[in-house]
Amino acid sequence: MTPDPARQWRRACSLIVGADAGQGLDLEGLRITFATHKGDIETPNSATISVYNLAPATASRIGGEFSRVILSAGYEGAMGTLFDGQIRQVRRGRENGTDSWLEITAADGDRAYNHAVVSRTLAAGARPADQVGVAMGAFAVHGARPGHVGDLGGQPLPRGKVLYGMARDVMRLVAEDREASWSIQDGQVQMVPLRGYLPGEAVVLTHETGLLDAPEQTDQGIKLRCLLNPRLRIGGRVRLDNASILRARTDLKVAAFDRAAPLDSDGFYRIIRADHTGDTHGQDWFTDLLCIAIDDTMRIPVDQLGRR
């Protein structure tokens, strides 16, 4: 389903702060600025969100009584969740003599990532999906819900196996063995094959549907900027017109073009990084993406960006 361009002009934004469970407080209507950072990496995603001119009584509850933040944005009739995570730091200040701000730094699933442990014995015949299920159960105890898991396949265990230690280590080992990547996205744990993608239609990006400037071919992947779009998910797909992509510059001395990310013959690309930036009272309202061709596994972020 292609976004309706007519819906991409009247912005909408909602910021809910509350406890991990139960009712929250919607701060819709105030000036809100945000920068969220998501990647196809196991380390938690992050967000920096500022709210302006909060009542002092409300501001005092954030970071204490209110420990969770859910940011949704988009356009009227086409909003979606951009970030769902735990509040990790709150700062307060003043922009001038009349306007105050409260800045929230939040992380997505870091409690589960840092504290979920497993202690379980699997019987002979268990498969990789069973190991993932054990880790998922441990994550759920700390608030990270089970999400999409692709078909992992794999042979059944010839004998029983003890799973003991951090749940993230179980996920990492299974992902490496089954050539997949795992991450926590908006409170849900997902694992996607390196040559796979999340179910659902690809988001078609053209200049008529929100694409800004020309996508660029780099050694990391295809970089592009579009109007803010909550349908763009890590592990999901976009479809581009390859003719619109600015090709990497050829360096005749080191043959840099040989290292440039390949283009997909059908124009389908998997999202491995998504940064949403917005200001309800300013100009910023866009999404920056880094994408790779479906069959390109060389550019999945590792080590410096997080383990595969």
Protein backbone atom coordinates (compact mmCIF):
# COMPACT_ATOMS: atom_id res chain seq x y z
CA MET A 1 0.00 0.00 0.00
CA THR A 2 1.55 3.29 -1.11
CA PRO A 3 1.18 6.28 1.26
CA ASP A 4 -1.38 8.82 0.11
CA PRO A 5 0.54 12.04 -0.70
CA ALA A 6 -2.53 14.05 0.31
CA ARG A 7 -2.03 12.84 3.86
CA GLN A 8 1.57 14.00 4.09
CA TRP A 9 1.05 17.64 4.91
CA ARG A 10 -0.85 17.90 8.20
CA ARG A 11 1.49 16.62 10.89
CA ALA A 12 0.38 14.62 13.90
CA CYS A 13 2.32 13.67 17.00
CA SER A 14 1.53 11.97 20.30
CA LEU A 15 3.82 11.47 23.29
CA ILE A 16 2.59 9.21 26.09
CA VAL A 17 4.52 8.91 29.36
CA GLY A 18 3.47 6.46 32.01
CA ALA A 19 4.37 3.45 34.09
CA ASP A 20 5.49 0.21 32.45
CA ALA A 21 1.91 -1.01 32.82
CA GLY A 22 -1.31 0.94 33.30
CA GLN A 23 -2.53 4.38 32.36
CA GLY A 24 -0.30 7.04 30.85
CA LEU A 25 -0.41 10.77 30.27
CA ASP A 26 -0.67 12.05 26.68
CA LEU A 27 1.35 15.21 26.11
CA GLU A 28 -0.15 15.84 22.66
CA GLY A 29 -0.54 19.51 21.83
CA LEU A 30 2.73 20.73 23.35
CA ARG A 31 5.81 21.44 21.29
CA ILE A 32 7.76 18.19 20.95
CA THR A 33 11.10 17.62 19.27
CA PHE A 34 12.63 14.18 18.83
CA ALA A 35 15.47 12.17 17.33
CA THR A 36 15.13 8.38 17.39
CA HIS A 37 17.83 5.95 16.30
CA LYS A 38 17.07 2.35 15.30
CA GLY A 39 19.25 -0.33 13.76
CA ASP A 40 19.40 -3.98 12.82
CA ILE A 41 21.72 -4.59 15.76
CA GLU A 42 21.27 -6.35 19.08
CA THR A 43 22.21 -3.35 21.25
CA PRO A 44 19.17 -1.27 22.31
CA ASN A 45 17.75 1.53 20.17
CA SER A 46 17.65 5.04 21.63
CA ALA A 47 15.70 8.28 21.50
CA THR A 48 16.09 11.86 22.67
CA ILE A 49 12.77 13.66 23.10
CA SER A 50 12.19 17.21 24.34
CA VAL A 51 8.86 18.61 25.55
CA TYR A 52 8.37 22.34 26.00
CA ASN A 53 6.54 24.30 28.70
CA LEU A 54 5.32 21.37 30.78
CA ALA A 55 3.50 22.14 33.98
CA PRO A 56 5.96 21.73 36.90
CA ALA A 57 3.75 19.10 38.55
CA THR A 58 3.74 17.01 35.36
CA ALA A 59 7.47 17.44 34.76
CA SER A 60 8.26 16.19 38.26
CA ARG A 61 6.49 12.87 37.54
CA ILE A 62 8.56 12.03 34.46
CA GLY A 63 11.52 9.82 35.21
CA GLY A 64 10.08 8.83 38.57
CA GLU A 65 6.46 7.77 38.59
CA PHE A 66 6.49 7.73 34.78
CA SER A 67 9.21 5.41 33.47
CA ARG A 68 8.01 4.54 29.95
CA VAL A 69 7.62 6.68 26.86
CA ILE A 70 5.72 5.96 23.64
CA LEU A 71 6.27 8.35 20.75
CA SER A 72 3.92 8.23 17.77
CA ALA A 73 4.03 10.56 14.79
CA GLY A 74 3.16 10.93 11.14
CA TYR A 75 0.23 12.69 9.54
CA GLU A 76 -3.46 12.92 10.32
CA GLY A 77 -4.95 9.55 9.50
CA ALA A 78 -1.50 7.95 9.10
CA MET A 79 0.23 7.95 12.48
CA GLY A 80 2.31 5.10 13.89
CA THR A 81 4.73 4.28 16.69
CA LEU A 82 8.23 5.64 16.20
CA PHE A 83 9.64 4.62 19.58
CA ASP A 84 8.57 2.66 22.65
CA GLY A 85 11.05 2.38 25.50
CA GLN A 86 12.13 3.10 29.05
CA ILE A 87 13.14 6.53 30.32
CA ARG A 88 16.79 6.52 31.35
CA GLN A 89 17.55 10.19 31.99
CA VAL A 90 15.63 13.43 32.36
CA ARG A 91 17.11 16.92 32.05
CA ARG A 92 15.41 20.29 32.51
CA GLY A 93 16.33 23.74 31.29
CA ARG A 94 15.13 27.00 29.77
CA GLU A 95 15.34 28.15 26.18
CA ASN A 96 14.67 31.77 27.11
CA GLY A 97 12.91 33.80 29.78
CA THR A 98 9.50 32.27 29.06
CA ASP A 99 10.03 28.83 27.50
CA SER A 100 11.24 25.81 29.46
CA TRP A 101 12.09 22.33 28.18
CA LEU A 102 12.32 18.83 29.54
CA GLU A 103 14.60 16.40 27.70
CA ILE A 104 14.03 12.65 27.89
CA THR A 105 16.69 10.12 26.98
CA ALA A 106 15.16 6.68 26.48
CA ALA A 107 16.28 3.18 25.49
CA ASP A 108 14.26 0.41 23.87
CA GLY A 109 14.50 -2.93 25.66
CA ASP A 110 17.74 -2.27 27.52
CA ARG A 111 16.34 -3.71 30.74
CA ALA A 112 15.64 -7.01 28.99
CA TYR A 113 18.92 -6.88 27.10
CA ASN A 114 20.96 -6.35 30.27
CA HIS A 115 19.06 -8.49 32.79
CA ALA A 116 17.25 -11.37 31.04
CA VAL A 117 18.89 -14.71 31.93
CA VAL A 118 18.09 -18.30 31.01
CA SER A 119 18.49 -21.53 32.96
CA ARG A 120 16.88 -24.36 31.08
CA THR A 121 17.65 -27.81 29.70
CA LEU A 122 16.33 -28.68 26.26
CA ALA A 123 15.70 -32.32 25.40
CA ALA A 124 17.17 -34.06 22.39
CA GLY A 125 15.28 -33.14 19.24
CA ALA A 126 14.95 -29.45 20.08
CA ARG A 127 15.54 -27.05 17.20
CA PRO A 128 16.98 -23.50 16.96
CA ALA A 129 13.46 -22.06 17.23
CA ASP A 130 13.11 -23.78 20.61
CA GLN A 131 16.27 -22.08 21.87
CA VAL A 132 14.93 -18.74 20.67
CA GLY A 133 11.66 -19.49 22.49
CA VAL A 134 13.51 -19.97 25.77
CA ALA A 135 15.30 -16.64 25.32
CA MET A 136 12.03 -14.95 24.37
CA GLY A 137 10.47 -16.13 27.61
CA ALA A 138 13.34 -14.62 29.60
CA PHE A 139 13.05 -11.31 27.75
CA ALA A 140 9.31 -11.19 28.40
CA VAL A 141 9.91 -11.24 32.17
CA HIS A 142 11.68 -7.89 31.70
CA GLY A 143 9.10 -6.32 29.43
CA ALA A 144 10.32 -7.24 25.91
CA ARG A 145 7.55 -9.09 24.09
CA PRO A 146 8.04 -11.84 21.49
CA GLY A 147 7.99 -10.49 17.94
CA HIS A 148 8.55 -11.82 14.46
CA VAL A 149 10.93 -14.77 14.04
CA GLY A 150 11.67 -15.96 10.53
CA ASP A 151 11.99 -19.57 9.51
CA LEU A 152 15.24 -20.67 11.19
CA GLY A 153 15.30 -24.27 10.01
CA GLY A 154 18.22 -26.25 11.38
CA GLN A 155 18.76 -29.80 12.49
CA PRO A 156 17.28 -31.16 15.74
CA LEU A 157 19.70 -31.56 18.65
CA PRO A 158 21.15 -35.09 18.79
CA ARG A 159 21.24 -34.86 22.60
CA GLY A 160 20.00 -32.60 25.36
CA LYS A 161 21.45 -29.09 25.76
CA VAL A 162 21.77 -26.80 28.79
CA LEU A 163 21.00 -23.11 28.21
CA TYR A 164 22.49 -21.04 31.01
CA GLY A 165 23.48 -17.39 31.04
CA MET A 166 22.34 -14.22 29.32
CA ALA A 167 19.36 -14.53 26.99
CA ARG A 168 21.10 -12.20 24.54
CA ASP A 169 23.97 -14.71 24.21
CA VAL A 170 21.50 -17.44 23.25
CA MET A 171 19.98 -15.19 20.61
CA ARG A 172 23.41 -14.21 19.29
CA LEU A 173 24.60 -17.79 18.93
CA VAL A 174 21.43 -18.89 17.17
CA ALA A 175 21.56 -15.85 14.87
CA GLU A 176 25.18 -16.54 13.91
CA ASP A 177 24.47 -20.23 13.32
CA ARG A 178 21.33 -19.63 11.26
CA GLU A 179 22.63 -16.55 9.39
CA ALA A 180 20.11 -14.16 10.88
CA SER A 181 20.10 -10.91 12.83
CA TRP A 182 18.18 -10.17 16.00
CA SER A 183 17.16 -6.95 17.69
CA ILE A 184 14.57 -5.35 19.95
CA GLN A 185 12.22 -2.99 18.13
CA ASP A 186 9.63 -0.99 20.12
CA GLY A 187 9.60 -3.55 22.91
CA GLN A 188 9.40 -6.60 20.63
CA VAL A 189 12.21 -9.09 20.07
CA GLN A 190 12.64 -10.08 16.43
CA MET A 191 14.96 -12.33 14.43
CA VAL A 192 15.15 -12.03 10.65
CA PRO A 193 17.30 -14.09 8.22
CA LEU A 194 20.09 -12.03 6.65
CA ARG A 195 18.56 -12.65 3.23
CA GLY A 196 15.02 -12.20 4.49
CA TYR A 197 12.76 -9.39 5.63
CA LEU A 198 9.68 -8.73 7.73
CA PRO A 199 6.32 -9.80 6.28
CA GLY A 200 4.23 -7.14 4.61
CA GLU A 201 4.32 -4.95 1.54
CA ALA A 202 7.35 -2.87 0.67
CA VAL A 203 6.99 0.89 1.16
CA VAL A 204 7.30 2.51 -2.26
CA LEU A 205 9.41 5.66 -2.07
CA THR A 206 9.35 8.14 -4.93
CA HIS A 207 9.32 11.93 -5.02
CA GLU A 208 5.51 11.68 -5.21
CA THR A 209 5.32 9.58 -2.01
CA GLY A 210 7.76 11.50 0.17
CA LEU A 211 11.29 10.83 -1.11
CA LEU A 212 13.53 13.87 -0.55
CA ASP A 213 16.57 14.38 -2.78
CA ALA A 214 18.19 11.43 -4.54
CA PRO A 215 19.12 8.18 -2.76
CA GLU A 216 22.88 7.66 -2.71
CA GLN A 217 24.88 4.48 -3.22
CA THR A 218 27.68 4.21 -0.62
CA ASP A 219 29.98 1.50 0.68
CA GLN A 220 27.61 1.04 3.66
CA GLY A 221 24.39 0.76 1.68
CA ILE A 222 21.81 2.98 0.00
CA LYS A 223 21.30 6.17 1.99
CA LEU A 224 18.16 8.22 1.57
CA ARG A 225 15.93 10.78 3.25
CA CYS A 226 12.14 10.92 3.02
CA LEU A 227 9.25 12.62 4.76
CA LEU A 228 8.72 11.11 8.20
CA ASN A 229 7.06 7.72 7.76
CA PRO A 230 6.19 5.43 10.69
CA ARG A 231 5.70 2.46 8.31
CA LEU A 232 9.46 2.21 7.81
CA ARG A 233 10.60 -0.61 10.10
CA ILE A 234 13.94 -2.24 10.74
CA GLY A 235 13.97 -5.43 8.70
CA GLY A 236 11.15 -4.17 6.48
CA ARG A 237 11.47 -3.31 2.80
CA VAL A 238 11.37 -0.22 0.64
CA ARG A 239 11.11 -0.15 -3.13
CA LEU A 240 13.11 2.41 -5.08
CA ASP A 241 13.49 3.30 -8.72
CA ASN A 242 17.12 2.33 -9.31
CA ALA A 243 17.37 5.03 -11.94
CA SER A 244 16.90 7.64 -9.20
CA ILE A 245 19.87 6.38 -7.14
CA LEU A 246 23.04 8.49 -7.32
CA ARG A 247 25.82 6.01 -8.07
CA ALA A 248 28.99 5.88 -6.01
CA ARG A 249 31.90 7.83 -7.44
CA THR A 250 34.55 5.64 -9.03
CA ASP A 251 38.06 6.02 -7.62
CA LEU A 252 40.39 4.82 -10.36
CA LYS A 253 43.30 4.36 -7.96
CA VAL A 254 41.64 2.02 -5.46
CA ALA A 255 38.60 0.84 -7.40
CA ALA A 256 36.23 2.09 -4.68
CA PHE A 257 33.24 1.31 -6.85
CA ASP A 258 33.92 -2.40 -6.37
CA ARG A 259 33.18 -1.93 -2.68
CA ALA A 260 29.99 0.05 -3.15
CA ALA A 261 26.77 -1.56 -1.97
CA PRO A 262 25.15 -3.47 -4.84
CA LEU A 263 21.78 -2.47 -6.25
CA ASP A 264 18.85 -4.88 -6.22
CA SER A 265 17.73 -5.71 -9.75
CA ASP A 266 14.05 -5.31 -8.78
CA GLY A 267 14.57 -2.21 -6.63
CA PHE A 268 13.77 -3.87 -3.28
CA TYR A 269 15.93 -2.94 -0.28
CA ARG A 270 15.95 -4.04 3.35
CA ILE A 271 16.10 -1.34 6.04
CA ILE A 272 19.03 -1.77 8.44
CA ARG A 273 19.02 1.71 10.00
CA ALA A 274 16.25 4.25 10.49
CA ASP A 275 16.57 7.66 12.17
CA HIS A 276 13.40 9.71 12.69
CA THR A 277 13.74 13.46 13.34
CA GLY A 278 10.89 15.83 14.09
CA ASP A 279 9.79 19.15 15.55
CA THR A 280 6.06 19.78 15.85
CA HIS A 281 6.66 23.54 15.72
CA GLY A 282 9.63 23.61 13.33
CA GLN A 283 10.81 22.43 9.92
CA ASP A 284 12.25 19.02 10.79
CA TRP A 285 9.96 16.13 9.90
CA PHE A 286 11.92 13.44 8.07
CA THR A 287 13.33 9.92 8.18
CA ASP A 288 16.88 8.93 7.22
CA LEU A 289 17.37 5.35 6.07
CA LEU A 290 20.26 3.05 5.34
CA CYS A 291 19.18 0.10 3.20
CA ILE A 292 20.81 -2.85 1.50
CA ALA A 293 19.82 -5.16 -1.33
CA ILE A 294 17.92 -8.20 -0.07
CA ASP A 295 20.79 -10.59 -0.89
CA ASP A 296 23.55 -8.30 0.45
CA THR A 297 24.75 -9.72 3.79
CA MET A 298 28.17 -8.02 3.83
CA ARG A 299 26.81 -4.74 5.18
CA ILE A 300 24.76 -5.94 8.15
CA PRO A 301 26.17 -3.82 11.02
CA VAL A 302 28.69 -5.69 13.20
CA ASP A 303 31.14 -4.99 16.05
CA GLN A 304 31.38 -1.19 15.95
CA LEU A 305 27.58 -0.86 15.62
CA GLY A 306 26.63 -3.98 17.58
CA ARG A 307 27.14 -7.70 17.18
CA ARG A 308 25.36 -9.49 14.35
